[in-house]
N, C-alpha and C. Protein backbone atom coordinates (compact mmCIF):
# COMPACT_ATOMS: atom_id res chain seq x y z
N MET A 1 7.17 -8.86 13.36
CA MET A 1 6.17 -9.40 12.95
C MET A 1 6.24 -10.02 11.39
N LYS A 2 4.96 -10.66 10.96
CA LYS A 2 5.20 -11.07 9.81
C LYS A 2 4.23 -10.16 8.86
N ALA A 3 4.55 -10.56 6.97
CA ALA A 3 4.17 -9.29 6.24
C ALA A 3 3.04 -10.24 6.10
N MET A 4 1.65 -8.84 5.65
CA MET A 4 -0.04 -9.19 5.97
C MET A 4 -0.32 -7.71 4.25
N LYS A 5 -0.85 -7.98 3.78
CA LYS A 5 -2.13 -6.98 3.00
C LYS A 5 -1.96 -6.10 4.06
N LEU A 6 -2.13 -4.77 3.25
CA LEU A 6 -2.49 -3.18 4.02
C LEU A 6 -3.66 -3.69 4.48
N ALA A 7 -4.68 -4.27 3.44
CA ALA A 7 -6.50 -4.47 3.85
C ALA A 7 -6.60 -5.33 4.92
N ASP A 8 -5.30 -5.69 5.37
CA ASP A 8 -5.72 -6.74 6.97
C ASP A 8 -5.03 -5.71 8.49
N VAL A 9 -4.88 -4.93 7.72
CA VAL A 9 -4.43 -4.04 9.53
C VAL A 9 -5.29 -3.13 9.64
N PRO A 10 -5.99 -3.62 10.83
CA PRO A 10 -6.97 -3.17 11.71
C PRO A 10 -6.85 -1.59 11.46
N GLN A 11 -8.37 -0.81 11.85
CA GLN A 11 -8.14 -0.02 12.47
C GLN A 11 -7.35 1.12 13.61
N GLY A 12 -6.20 1.74 13.40
CA GLY A 12 -5.74 2.29 14.72
C GLY A 12 -4.47 1.55 14.36
N GLY A 13 -4.19 0.26 13.77
CA GLY A 13 -3.13 -0.36 13.76
C GLY A 13 -2.02 0.85 12.47
N ALA A 14 -0.53 0.07 12.58
CA ALA A 14 0.82 0.94 11.95
C ALA A 14 1.40 -0.22 11.53
N ALA A 15 2.18 0.31 10.43
CA ALA A 15 2.86 -0.57 9.94
C ALA A 15 3.97 0.05 8.68
N THR A 16 5.19 -0.74 8.10
CA THR A 16 5.38 -0.06 7.35
C THR A 16 5.27 -1.44 6.03
N VAL A 17 5.27 -0.60 4.99
CA VAL A 17 5.69 -0.79 3.78
C VAL A 17 6.50 -1.96 3.40
N GLU A 18 6.40 -3.01 3.01
CA GLU A 18 7.04 -4.02 2.37
C GLU A 18 7.23 -4.45 0.71
N GLU A 19 6.08 -3.94 0.15
CA GLU A 19 6.07 -4.03 -0.93
C GLU A 19 4.55 -3.30 -2.15
N VAL A 20 5.13 -3.02 -2.55
CA VAL A 20 3.79 -1.97 -3.20
C VAL A 20 3.67 -3.07 -4.80
N ALA A 21 3.26 -4.26 -4.49
CA ALA A 21 2.26 -5.34 -5.95
C ALA A 21 1.27 -5.31 -6.16
N CYS A 22 1.19 -3.87 -6.64
CA CYS A 22 -0.16 -3.68 -7.66
C CYS A 22 0.65 -3.35 -9.10
N SER A 23 -0.49 -3.06 -9.68
CA SER A 23 -0.27 -3.05 -10.81
C SER A 23 0.88 -1.74 -11.54
N PRO A 24 1.02 -2.25 -12.64
CA PRO A 24 2.62 -0.77 -12.73
C PRO A 24 1.64 0.48 -13.19
N ARG A 25 0.50 0.41 -13.36
CA ARG A 25 -0.41 2.18 -13.35
C ARG A 25 -0.73 2.19 -11.63
N GLU A 26 -1.33 0.64 -10.86
CA GLU A 26 -1.26 1.33 -9.48
C GLU A 26 -0.18 1.72 -8.93
N ARG A 27 1.09 1.33 -8.94
CA ARG A 27 2.20 1.51 -8.17
C ARG A 27 2.83 2.91 -8.95
N SER A 28 2.90 3.45 -10.24
CA SER A 28 2.84 4.79 -10.21
C SER A 28 1.77 5.79 -10.01
N ARG A 29 0.73 5.47 -9.37
CA ARG A 29 -0.41 6.08 -8.63
C ARG A 29 0.47 6.40 -7.02
N LEU A 30 0.66 5.87 -6.57
CA LEU A 30 0.85 5.47 -5.42
C LEU A 30 1.81 6.61 -4.66
N ALA A 31 3.14 6.31 -5.70
CA ALA A 31 4.28 6.44 -5.17
C ALA A 31 4.30 8.25 -5.48
N PRO A 32 4.09 8.97 -5.92
CA PRO A 32 3.65 10.26 -5.98
C PRO A 32 2.54 10.85 -4.43
N LEU A 33 1.59 9.40 -3.95
CA LEU A 33 1.52 10.26 -2.87
C LEU A 33 1.95 9.75 -1.44
N GLY A 34 3.33 8.77 -1.61
CA GLY A 34 3.82 8.35 -0.53
C GLY A 34 4.56 6.78 -0.18
N ILE A 35 3.03 6.57 -0.89
CA ILE A 35 3.02 4.87 -0.44
C ILE A 35 4.19 4.03 -1.67
N VAL A 36 5.61 4.26 -0.95
CA VAL A 36 6.51 3.27 -1.32
C VAL A 36 7.31 2.21 -0.63
N GLN A 37 8.23 1.65 -1.12
CA GLN A 37 8.44 1.12 0.13
C GLN A 37 9.33 1.42 1.31
N GLY A 38 9.02 0.85 2.83
CA GLY A 38 9.76 1.61 3.73
C GLY A 38 9.31 2.49 4.01
N VAL A 39 8.15 2.81 4.00
CA VAL A 39 7.22 3.76 4.99
C VAL A 39 6.44 3.86 5.70
N GLY A 40 6.04 4.04 6.61
CA GLY A 40 5.09 3.53 7.39
C GLY A 40 3.81 4.51 7.26
N VAL A 41 2.55 3.34 8.13
CA VAL A 41 1.44 4.06 7.12
C VAL A 41 1.28 3.67 8.98
N GLU A 42 0.14 4.59 8.76
CA GLU A 42 -1.60 4.23 10.03
C GLU A 42 -2.32 4.54 8.94
N VAL A 43 -3.21 2.88 9.82
CA VAL A 43 -4.70 2.68 9.22
C VAL A 43 -5.80 3.59 10.13
N LEU A 44 -5.69 4.47 9.04
CA LEU A 44 -7.36 5.60 10.05
C LEU A 44 -8.88 4.97 10.31
N ARG A 45 -8.86 3.92 8.69
CA ARG A 45 -10.19 3.36 8.56
C ARG A 45 -9.97 2.46 7.92
N ASN A 46 -10.79 1.54 8.15
CA ASN A 46 -10.79 -0.02 8.13
C ASN A 46 -11.70 -0.61 8.31
N VAL A 47 -12.93 -0.57 7.56
CA VAL A 47 -13.74 -1.57 7.83
C VAL A 47 -14.31 -2.57 6.91
N ASN A 48 -14.89 -3.31 6.42
CA ASN A 48 -15.30 -4.52 6.15
C ASN A 48 -15.31 -4.66 4.59
N ARG A 49 -15.95 -3.51 3.79
CA ARG A 49 -16.02 -4.24 2.10
C ARG A 49 -15.51 -2.28 1.76
N GLY A 50 -15.28 -1.35 2.65
CA GLY A 50 -15.49 0.09 2.61
C GLY A 50 -13.39 0.35 1.92
N ALA A 51 -13.65 2.06 1.43
CA ALA A 51 -12.51 2.28 1.51
C ALA A 51 -11.08 1.70 2.44
N VAL A 52 -10.14 1.89 1.99
CA VAL A 52 -9.54 1.84 2.90
C VAL A 52 -8.73 3.71 3.17
N LEU A 53 -8.67 4.08 4.56
CA LEU A 53 -7.73 5.59 4.70
C LEU A 53 -6.31 4.96 5.46
N VAL A 54 -5.71 5.53 5.18
CA VAL A 54 -4.42 5.57 5.53
C VAL A 54 -4.18 7.58 5.69
N GLU A 55 -2.58 7.38 6.43
CA GLU A 55 -2.12 8.57 6.58
C GLU A 55 -0.67 8.28 6.39
N VAL A 56 0.36 8.82 5.78
CA VAL A 56 0.81 8.44 5.47
C VAL A 56 2.41 9.45 5.12
N ARG A 57 3.43 10.18 6.06
CA ARG A 57 3.99 11.21 5.73
C ARG A 57 2.80 12.32 5.82
N ASN A 58 1.50 12.44 7.05
CA ASN A 58 1.57 13.78 7.24
C ASN A 58 0.28 13.94 6.44
N THR A 59 -0.61 12.77 5.68
CA THR A 59 -0.98 12.78 4.23
C THR A 59 -2.16 12.15 4.71
N LEU A 60 -3.41 12.51 3.65
CA LEU A 60 -4.05 10.99 4.16
C LEU A 60 -4.48 10.81 2.73
N VAL A 61 -4.40 9.53 2.81
CA VAL A 61 -5.02 8.49 1.62
C VAL A 61 -6.46 7.69 1.45
N ALA A 62 -7.35 7.71 0.63
CA ALA A 62 -8.07 6.56 0.19
C ALA A 62 -7.45 6.17 -0.73
N MET A 63 -8.15 4.29 -0.52
CA MET A 63 -7.73 3.72 -1.46
C MET A 63 -9.22 2.37 -1.46
N SER A 64 -9.21 2.41 -2.99
CA SER A 64 -9.61 0.46 -2.54
C SER A 64 -9.32 -0.43 -1.76
N ARG A 65 -9.81 -1.58 -1.41
CA ARG A 65 -9.45 -2.07 -0.92
C ARG A 65 -8.98 -3.14 -1.81
N ALA A 66 -9.91 -3.09 -2.83
CA ALA A 66 -8.35 -3.48 -3.95
C ALA A 66 -7.18 -2.99 -3.79
N VAL A 67 -6.82 -1.99 -4.28
CA VAL A 67 -5.63 -1.28 -4.45
C VAL A 67 -4.74 -2.19 -2.75
N ALA A 68 -5.32 -1.39 -1.86
CA ALA A 68 -4.83 -2.28 -0.50
C ALA A 68 -4.55 -3.60 0.00
N GLU A 69 -5.19 -4.53 -0.87
CA GLU A 69 -5.00 -5.56 -0.78
C GLU A 69 -3.56 -6.15 -1.65
N GLY A 70 -3.02 -5.03 -2.58
CA GLY A 70 -2.04 -5.11 -3.09
C GLY A 70 -0.80 -4.58 -2.75
N ILE A 71 -0.66 -4.37 -1.15
CA ILE A 71 0.46 -3.84 -0.59
C ILE A 71 0.51 -4.59 0.15
N VAL A 72 2.41 -4.75 0.39
CA VAL A 72 2.48 -5.76 1.46
C VAL A 72 3.20 -4.91 2.49
N VAL A 73 3.14 -4.65 3.55
CA VAL A 73 3.24 -4.65 4.93
C VAL A 73 3.55 -5.13 5.96
N LYS A 74 4.72 -5.14 7.33
CA LYS A 74 4.97 -5.62 7.55
C LYS A 74 4.79 -4.95 9.55
N GLY A 75 4.01 -5.34 9.63
CA GLY A 75 3.36 -4.97 10.94
C GLY A 75 3.11 -3.80 11.75
N GLU A 76 2.83 -4.04 13.39
CA GLU A 76 2.95 -2.56 13.94
C GLU A 76 4.89 -1.95 13.44
N ARG A 77 4.81 -0.70 13.54
CA ARG A 77 6.12 -0.48 13.42
C ARG A 77 6.42 0.36 14.41
């Protein structure tokens, strides 16, 4: 599958993180939560303008849509 932004993955979709292309501050905040290159994520909530809720390594992580726009993922895993 092609690369896309995490914010574009539909609710219920799964993907693999290819790159965390956020600011260094956001990268350092996301890494301890498990959002790093190569990890699989499942999108639990993704509505048009709200926060994005994902499950990564059995942990729920909520992030703003702006942060999700900076995470590049590759399709269904």
